[in-house]
Structures are given as structure tokens and as C-alpha cells.
Amino acid sequence: MRQQRLGRSHGGEVGIYTRRNPDRVRAADIAFISTSRLAQPVKGYLTVAPDLVVEIMSPDDRWQDLREKLAEYFAIGVTWVWVVEPSARKVLVFHSPTMIEEFNEDDTLTGEGVLAGFAVKVADLFSV
């Protein structure tokens, strides 16, 4: 991705505005923003919807809370959300709050749209 300058990835609790006045900020584990969406360098919380948000489920995360985040992400224009479930060793790809694909360890997760050409074996995501 870096060689092709498709956009920028941000990691480590990326703050994304999902509502303004009153403000609401959600923290994503990873966000990717394509060059076409990124008009200027990001300072502070993201004010533009990422193309892709990656959420990594921890044992304390609740699905109800995640469903609320998903709805907010899609409402602001996020294209995909990948939910990584380490305990189940799978990745759920959300194209909308209700359109979901499941990828298990034997599968290859592939990008689409601006991320076309990206591919990673799901098992590799969980290797130490």
C-alpha cells in the first residue's frame, strides 16, 4: 500500500468523529483513509470517514457496544469494517451493519475497492 500511495493508515485507538455538535468520538484500533478522501494531513481526531476501520475484539468487548459503533461508522460513510476476533481466530467483514462476510483461519482476506490487490491469510493475523 505504501509503495502505491493509496492512502494513510492510523493505528492505536484512532479517534474518529461520528457526530458533531454535540461531538461524539469513537476510538478505532486501525483506520485506513484513501488519498482521495484525505484532503489534508490529519491532526487530532479524524474529521473524514475512513475507507476502512479495523476493530480488534478483546475479551471485555460487548457485541451490543460494537453494533452501536458499526452503525455510527456506516452513518458517516465508512465503507468497510473488519472485526477481528482473536478468540475465535476469524475476521468478520462488514459492508453495512447487516451485510457480513466471515473469514476463518483457512481463508484469505482480500481488499476491495481502493484496497484491491491487498490479501492476507487470516491464519497469519494470529501467528505469533
N, C-alpha and C. Protein backbone atom coordinates (compact mmCIF):
# COMPACT_ATOMS: atom_id res chain seq x y z
N MET A 1 0.82 -1.19 0.00
CA MET A 1 0.00 0.00 0.00
C MET A 1 0.87 1.26 0.00
N ARG A 2 1.93 1.22 0.81
CA ARG A 2 2.78 2.40 0.92
C ARG A 2 3.41 2.75 -0.42
N GLN A 3 3.89 1.71 -1.17
CA GLN A 3 4.54 1.97 -2.44
C GLN A 3 3.57 2.60 -3.44
N GLN A 4 2.30 2.24 -3.35
CA GLN A 4 1.33 2.74 -4.30
C GLN A 4 0.69 4.05 -3.86
N ARG A 5 0.99 4.49 -2.65
CA ARG A 5 0.46 5.75 -2.10
C ARG A 5 -1.06 5.82 -2.21
N LEU A 6 -1.70 4.73 -1.76
CA LEU A 6 -3.16 4.65 -1.82
C LEU A 6 -3.83 5.47 -0.72
N GLY A 7 -3.10 5.73 0.34
CA GLY A 7 -3.67 6.47 1.45
C GLY A 7 -2.81 6.33 2.68
N ARG A 8 -3.43 6.59 3.84
CA ARG A 8 -2.69 6.52 5.11
C ARG A 8 -3.43 5.63 6.09
N SER A 9 -2.64 4.86 6.82
CA SER A 9 -3.23 4.06 7.88
C SER A 9 -2.85 4.69 9.22
N HIS A 10 -3.75 4.57 10.16
CA HIS A 10 -3.56 5.10 11.51
C HIS A 10 -3.88 3.97 12.48
N GLY A 11 -3.10 3.82 13.52
CA GLY A 11 -3.35 2.75 14.47
C GLY A 11 -3.26 3.23 15.91
N GLY A 12 -3.75 2.40 16.80
CA GLY A 12 -3.64 2.69 18.22
C GLY A 12 -4.71 3.63 18.74
N GLU A 13 -5.94 3.16 18.77
CA GLU A 13 -7.06 3.97 19.30
C GLU A 13 -7.19 5.30 18.54
N VAL A 14 -7.50 5.19 17.27
CA VAL A 14 -7.68 6.35 16.39
C VAL A 14 -9.03 7.00 16.70
N GLY A 15 -9.02 8.26 17.08
CA GLY A 15 -10.27 8.97 17.35
C GLY A 15 -10.94 9.40 16.06
N ILE A 16 -12.22 9.05 15.92
CA ILE A 16 -12.99 9.40 14.71
C ILE A 16 -14.27 10.10 15.16
N TYR A 17 -14.48 11.32 14.66
CA TYR A 17 -15.75 11.99 14.94
C TYR A 17 -16.88 11.24 14.24
N THR A 18 -17.88 10.82 15.00
CA THR A 18 -19.05 10.19 14.39
C THR A 18 -20.27 11.10 14.51
N ARG A 19 -20.11 12.19 15.24
CA ARG A 19 -21.19 13.19 15.36
C ARG A 19 -20.55 14.50 15.79
N ARG A 20 -21.15 15.61 15.34
CA ARG A 20 -20.67 16.94 15.72
C ARG A 20 -21.84 17.71 16.34
N ASN A 21 -21.51 18.53 17.32
CA ASN A 21 -22.48 19.43 17.99
C ASN A 21 -23.73 18.73 18.49
N PRO A 22 -23.74 17.96 19.50
CA PRO A 22 -22.59 17.69 20.37
C PRO A 22 -21.67 16.64 19.74
N ASP A 23 -20.39 16.77 20.05
CA ASP A 23 -19.40 15.88 19.47
C ASP A 23 -19.47 14.48 20.08
N ARG A 24 -19.23 13.51 19.22
CA ARG A 24 -19.07 12.13 19.66
C ARG A 24 -17.87 11.57 18.92
N VAL A 25 -16.94 11.01 19.66
CA VAL A 25 -15.73 10.44 19.08
C VAL A 25 -15.68 8.97 19.44
N ARG A 26 -15.41 8.14 18.44
CA ARG A 26 -15.22 6.71 18.64
C ARG A 26 -13.75 6.39 18.43
N ALA A 27 -13.25 5.42 19.17
CA ALA A 27 -11.86 5.01 19.04
C ALA A 27 -11.79 3.70 18.27
N ALA A 28 -11.11 3.73 17.14
CA ALA A 28 -10.90 2.53 16.32
C ALA A 28 -9.48 2.02 16.56
N ASP A 29 -9.30 0.72 16.41
CA ASP A 29 -7.96 0.17 16.57
C ASP A 29 -7.07 0.55 15.39
N ILE A 30 -7.62 0.48 14.19
CA ILE A 30 -6.90 0.84 12.97
C ILE A 30 -7.88 1.53 12.01
N ALA A 31 -7.40 2.53 11.31
CA ALA A 31 -8.22 3.18 10.28
C ALA A 31 -7.34 3.41 9.05
N PHE A 32 -7.93 3.20 7.88
CA PHE A 32 -7.26 3.48 6.62
C PHE A 32 -8.08 4.51 5.86
N ILE A 33 -7.42 5.58 5.42
CA ILE A 33 -8.09 6.64 4.66
C ILE A 33 -7.39 6.76 3.31
N SER A 34 -8.16 6.61 2.25
CA SER A 34 -7.60 6.71 0.91
C SER A 34 -7.17 8.14 0.61
N THR A 35 -6.24 8.25 -0.30
CA THR A 35 -5.75 9.56 -0.72
C THR A 35 -6.90 10.43 -1.24
N SER A 36 -7.87 9.81 -1.90
CA SER A 36 -8.99 10.59 -2.45
C SER A 36 -9.85 11.20 -1.35
N ARG A 37 -9.91 10.59 -0.18
CA ARG A 37 -10.69 11.15 0.94
C ARG A 37 -9.88 12.10 1.81
N LEU A 38 -8.58 11.94 1.77
CA LEU A 38 -7.71 12.69 2.68
C LEU A 38 -7.23 13.96 2.00
N ALA A 39 -7.90 15.06 2.26
CA ALA A 39 -7.57 16.32 1.62
C ALA A 39 -6.34 16.97 2.24
N GLN A 40 -6.16 16.80 3.54
CA GLN A 40 -5.03 17.41 4.23
C GLN A 40 -4.57 16.49 5.35
N PRO A 41 -3.33 16.68 5.83
CA PRO A 41 -2.84 15.83 6.91
C PRO A 41 -3.75 15.89 8.13
N VAL A 42 -3.82 14.77 8.83
CA VAL A 42 -4.69 14.66 10.00
C VAL A 42 -3.96 15.16 11.23
N LYS A 43 -4.62 16.05 11.97
CA LYS A 43 -4.12 16.50 13.26
C LYS A 43 -5.26 16.33 14.24
N GLY A 44 -5.06 15.51 15.25
CA GLY A 44 -6.13 15.27 16.21
C GLY A 44 -7.07 14.19 15.70
N TYR A 45 -8.32 14.29 16.11
CA TYR A 45 -9.31 13.29 15.72
C TYR A 45 -9.62 13.39 14.23
N LEU A 46 -9.97 12.25 13.63
CA LEU A 46 -10.31 12.24 12.22
C LEU A 46 -11.65 12.93 11.99
N THR A 47 -11.69 13.84 11.05
CA THR A 47 -12.93 14.53 10.69
C THR A 47 -13.49 14.01 9.37
N VAL A 48 -12.76 13.11 8.73
CA VAL A 48 -13.20 12.48 7.50
C VAL A 48 -13.40 10.99 7.78
N ALA A 49 -14.40 10.42 7.16
CA ALA A 49 -14.68 9.00 7.37
C ALA A 49 -13.59 8.15 6.71
N PRO A 50 -13.01 7.23 7.46
CA PRO A 50 -12.05 6.32 6.85
C PRO A 50 -12.74 5.39 5.85
N ASP A 51 -11.97 4.87 4.90
CA ASP A 51 -12.50 3.86 4.00
C ASP A 51 -12.70 2.56 4.77
N LEU A 52 -11.72 2.25 5.62
CA LEU A 52 -11.72 1.00 6.37
C LEU A 52 -11.44 1.27 7.83
N VAL A 53 -12.22 0.64 8.71
CA VAL A 53 -11.96 0.64 10.14
C VAL A 53 -11.76 -0.81 10.55
N VAL A 54 -10.74 -1.05 11.37
CA VAL A 54 -10.49 -2.38 11.91
C VAL A 54 -10.68 -2.32 13.42
N GLU A 55 -11.54 -3.18 13.92
CA GLU A 55 -11.79 -3.31 15.35
C GLU A 55 -11.29 -4.68 15.79
N ILE A 56 -10.48 -4.73 16.81
CA ILE A 56 -9.98 -5.99 17.35
C ILE A 56 -10.69 -6.24 18.66
N MET A 57 -11.47 -7.31 18.67
CA MET A 57 -12.27 -7.64 19.85
C MET A 57 -11.38 -8.13 20.99
N SER A 58 -11.60 -7.57 22.17
CA SER A 58 -10.92 -8.06 23.36
C SER A 58 -11.94 -8.83 24.19
N PRO A 59 -11.49 -9.59 25.17
CA PRO A 59 -12.44 -10.38 25.97
C PRO A 59 -13.50 -9.52 26.67
N ASP A 60 -13.18 -8.26 26.94
CA ASP A 60 -14.13 -7.38 27.63
C ASP A 60 -15.12 -6.68 26.70
N ASP A 61 -14.88 -6.73 25.39
CA ASP A 61 -15.78 -6.05 24.46
C ASP A 61 -17.13 -6.74 24.41
N ARG A 62 -18.17 -5.91 24.27
CA ARG A 62 -19.53 -6.45 24.16
C ARG A 62 -20.05 -6.19 22.75
N TRP A 63 -20.76 -7.18 22.18
CA TRP A 63 -21.29 -7.04 20.83
C TRP A 63 -22.28 -5.89 20.72
N GLN A 64 -23.05 -5.64 21.74
CA GLN A 64 -24.00 -4.53 21.69
C GLN A 64 -23.28 -3.20 21.48
N ASP A 65 -22.17 -3.00 22.20
CA ASP A 65 -21.39 -1.78 22.03
C ASP A 65 -20.79 -1.71 20.63
N LEU A 66 -20.32 -2.83 20.14
CA LEU A 66 -19.74 -2.86 18.79
C LEU A 66 -20.79 -2.55 17.74
N ARG A 67 -21.99 -3.08 17.89
CA ARG A 67 -23.07 -2.79 16.93
C ARG A 67 -23.38 -1.29 16.88
N GLU A 68 -23.32 -0.62 18.01
CA GLU A 68 -23.54 0.83 18.04
C GLU A 68 -22.43 1.55 17.28
N LYS A 69 -21.19 1.13 17.50
CA LYS A 69 -20.07 1.73 16.77
C LYS A 69 -20.21 1.50 15.27
N LEU A 70 -20.57 0.27 14.88
CA LEU A 70 -20.75 -0.03 13.46
C LEU A 70 -21.78 0.90 12.82
N ALA A 71 -22.90 1.07 13.48
CA ALA A 71 -23.95 1.94 12.95
C ALA A 71 -23.42 3.36 12.77
N GLU A 72 -22.67 3.84 13.74
CA GLU A 72 -22.11 5.20 13.63
C GLU A 72 -21.08 5.29 12.52
N TYR A 73 -20.22 4.29 12.40
CA TYR A 73 -19.22 4.30 11.33
C TYR A 73 -19.88 4.35 9.95
N PHE A 74 -20.87 3.50 9.73
CA PHE A 74 -21.52 3.49 8.42
C PHE A 74 -22.33 4.76 8.18
N ALA A 75 -22.88 5.34 9.23
CA ALA A 75 -23.64 6.58 9.09
C ALA A 75 -22.77 7.75 8.60
N ILE A 76 -21.47 7.73 8.94
CA ILE A 76 -20.60 8.82 8.49
C ILE A 76 -19.90 8.51 7.17
N GLY A 77 -20.12 7.30 6.62
CA GLY A 77 -19.56 6.99 5.30
C GLY A 77 -18.39 6.02 5.27
N VAL A 78 -18.11 5.34 6.37
CA VAL A 78 -17.08 4.29 6.34
C VAL A 78 -17.56 3.22 5.36
N THR A 79 -16.64 2.71 4.54
CA THR A 79 -17.00 1.73 3.52
C THR A 79 -17.02 0.31 4.06
N TRP A 80 -16.00 -0.06 4.86
CA TRP A 80 -15.90 -1.41 5.41
C TRP A 80 -15.44 -1.34 6.86
N VAL A 81 -15.89 -2.31 7.64
CA VAL A 81 -15.35 -2.51 8.98
C VAL A 81 -14.95 -3.97 9.09
N TRP A 82 -13.69 -4.19 9.45
CA TRP A 82 -13.21 -5.54 9.69
C TRP A 82 -13.18 -5.74 11.19
N VAL A 83 -13.86 -6.74 11.68
CA VAL A 83 -13.85 -7.07 13.11
C VAL A 83 -13.02 -8.34 13.28
N VAL A 84 -11.92 -8.19 13.97
CA VAL A 84 -11.00 -9.30 14.21
C VAL A 84 -11.35 -9.91 15.56
N GLU A 85 -11.62 -11.21 15.55
CA GLU A 85 -11.96 -11.93 16.78
C GLU A 85 -10.84 -12.92 17.10
N PRO A 86 -9.84 -12.51 17.88
CA PRO A 86 -8.72 -13.41 18.19
C PRO A 86 -9.16 -14.70 18.89
N SER A 87 -10.12 -14.63 19.77
CA SER A 87 -10.54 -15.85 20.50
C SER A 87 -11.15 -16.89 19.56
N ALA A 88 -11.82 -16.44 18.50
CA ALA A 88 -12.42 -17.36 17.53
C ALA A 88 -11.52 -17.55 16.30
N ARG A 89 -10.44 -16.76 16.23
CA ARG A 89 -9.49 -16.81 15.12
C ARG A 89 -10.20 -16.62 13.78
N LYS A 90 -10.99 -15.55 13.73
CA LYS A 90 -11.69 -15.22 12.49
C LYS A 90 -11.82 -13.71 12.34
N VAL A 91 -12.20 -13.31 11.13
CA VAL A 91 -12.42 -11.90 10.81
C VAL A 91 -13.80 -11.78 10.18
N LEU A 92 -14.58 -10.84 10.68
CA LEU A 92 -15.88 -10.52 10.09
C LEU A 92 -15.73 -9.24 9.30
N VAL A 93 -16.13 -9.27 8.04
CA VAL A 93 -16.07 -8.08 7.18
C VAL A 93 -17.48 -7.55 7.03
N PHE A 94 -17.69 -6.34 7.53
CA PHE A 94 -18.99 -5.68 7.44
C PHE A 94 -18.96 -4.70 6.27
N HIS A 95 -19.92 -4.87 5.36
CA HIS A 95 -20.11 -3.92 4.24
C HIS A 95 -21.21 -2.94 4.60
N SER A 96 -21.97 -3.27 5.62
CA SER A 96 -23.04 -2.45 6.20
C SER A 96 -23.30 -3.08 7.57
N PRO A 97 -24.15 -2.47 8.38
CA PRO A 97 -24.42 -3.10 9.68
C PRO A 97 -25.03 -4.50 9.58
N THR A 98 -25.60 -4.84 8.42
CA THR A 98 -26.24 -6.15 8.28
C THR A 98 -25.62 -7.05 7.22
N MET A 99 -24.76 -6.53 6.36
CA MET A 99 -24.12 -7.34 5.32
C MET A 99 -22.73 -7.74 5.79
N ILE A 100 -22.58 -9.04 6.12
CA ILE A 100 -21.37 -9.53 6.78
C ILE A 100 -20.81 -10.74 6.04
N GLU A 101 -19.49 -10.77 5.92
CA GLU A 101 -18.79 -11.95 5.43
C GLU A 101 -17.88 -12.45 6.55
N GLU A 102 -17.77 -13.77 6.69
CA GLU A 102 -16.93 -14.35 7.72
C GLU A 102 -15.74 -15.05 7.08
N PHE A 103 -14.55 -14.75 7.61
CA PHE A 103 -13.31 -15.36 7.13
C PHE A 103 -12.66 -16.10 8.28
N ASN A 104 -12.40 -17.40 8.08
CA ASN A 104 -11.78 -18.23 9.10
C ASN A 104 -10.30 -18.43 8.77
N GLU A 105 -9.59 -19.15 9.65
CA GLU A 105 -8.15 -19.33 9.51
C GLU A 105 -7.71 -19.87 8.16
N ASP A 106 -8.52 -20.68 7.53
CA ASP A 106 -8.15 -21.26 6.24
C ASP A 106 -8.39 -20.31 5.06
N ASP A 107 -9.01 -19.18 5.33
CA ASP A 107 -9.38 -18.24 4.27
C ASP A 107 -8.32 -17.16 4.07
N THR A 108 -8.42 -16.49 2.93
CA THR A 108 -7.59 -15.32 2.65
C THR A 108 -8.49 -14.10 2.62
N LEU A 109 -8.14 -13.13 3.42
CA LEU A 109 -8.88 -11.85 3.47
C LEU A 109 -8.34 -10.97 2.37
N THR A 110 -9.23 -10.50 1.50
CA THR A 110 -8.79 -9.68 0.38
C THR A 110 -9.44 -8.31 0.44
N GLY A 111 -8.71 -7.33 -0.03
CA GLY A 111 -9.24 -5.97 -0.09
C GLY A 111 -10.09 -5.79 -1.33
N GLU A 112 -10.88 -4.76 -1.31
CA GLU A 112 -11.71 -4.42 -2.47
C GLU A 112 -11.70 -2.92 -2.64
N GLY A 113 -12.24 -2.45 -3.75
CA GLY A 113 -12.24 -1.01 -3.99
C GLY A 113 -10.83 -0.47 -4.00
N VAL A 114 -10.58 0.58 -3.25
CA VAL A 114 -9.25 1.19 -3.19
C VAL A 114 -8.21 0.22 -2.63
N LEU A 115 -8.64 -0.80 -1.92
CA LEU A 115 -7.71 -1.79 -1.35
C LEU A 115 -7.59 -3.05 -2.21
N ALA A 116 -8.08 -3.00 -3.44
CA ALA A 116 -7.97 -4.15 -4.35
C ALA A 116 -6.50 -4.52 -4.49
N GLY A 117 -6.23 -5.81 -4.43
CA GLY A 117 -4.85 -6.28 -4.52
C GLY A 117 -4.27 -6.63 -3.16
N PHE A 118 -4.86 -6.11 -2.10
CA PHE A 118 -4.41 -6.47 -0.75
C PHE A 118 -4.93 -7.85 -0.41
N ALA A 119 -4.08 -8.70 0.15
CA ALA A 119 -4.51 -10.04 0.56
C ALA A 119 -3.64 -10.49 1.73
N VAL A 120 -4.27 -11.15 2.69
CA VAL A 120 -3.55 -11.72 3.82
C VAL A 120 -4.30 -12.97 4.28
N LYS A 121 -3.54 -14.03 4.55
CA LYS A 121 -4.17 -15.23 5.10
C LYS A 121 -4.61 -14.91 6.52
N VAL A 122 -5.84 -15.26 6.84
CA VAL A 122 -6.36 -14.98 8.18
C VAL A 122 -5.48 -15.63 9.24
N ALA A 123 -4.99 -16.82 8.99
CA ALA A 123 -4.13 -17.50 9.96
C ALA A 123 -2.89 -16.66 10.28
N ASP A 124 -2.38 -15.91 9.29
CA ASP A 124 -1.20 -15.07 9.52
C ASP A 124 -1.49 -13.93 10.50
N LEU A 125 -2.72 -13.52 10.60
CA LEU A 125 -3.08 -12.45 11.54
C LEU A 125 -2.93 -12.91 12.99
N PHE A 126 -3.01 -14.21 13.20
CA PHE A 126 -2.97 -14.74 14.55
C PHE A 126 -1.67 -15.46 14.89
N SER A 127 -0.72 -15.47 13.95
CA SER A 127 0.56 -16.12 14.24
C SER A 127 1.40 -15.19 15.12
N VAL A 128 2.19 -15.80 15.96
CA VAL A 128 2.98 -15.02 16.93
C VAL A 128 4.32 -14.67 16.38
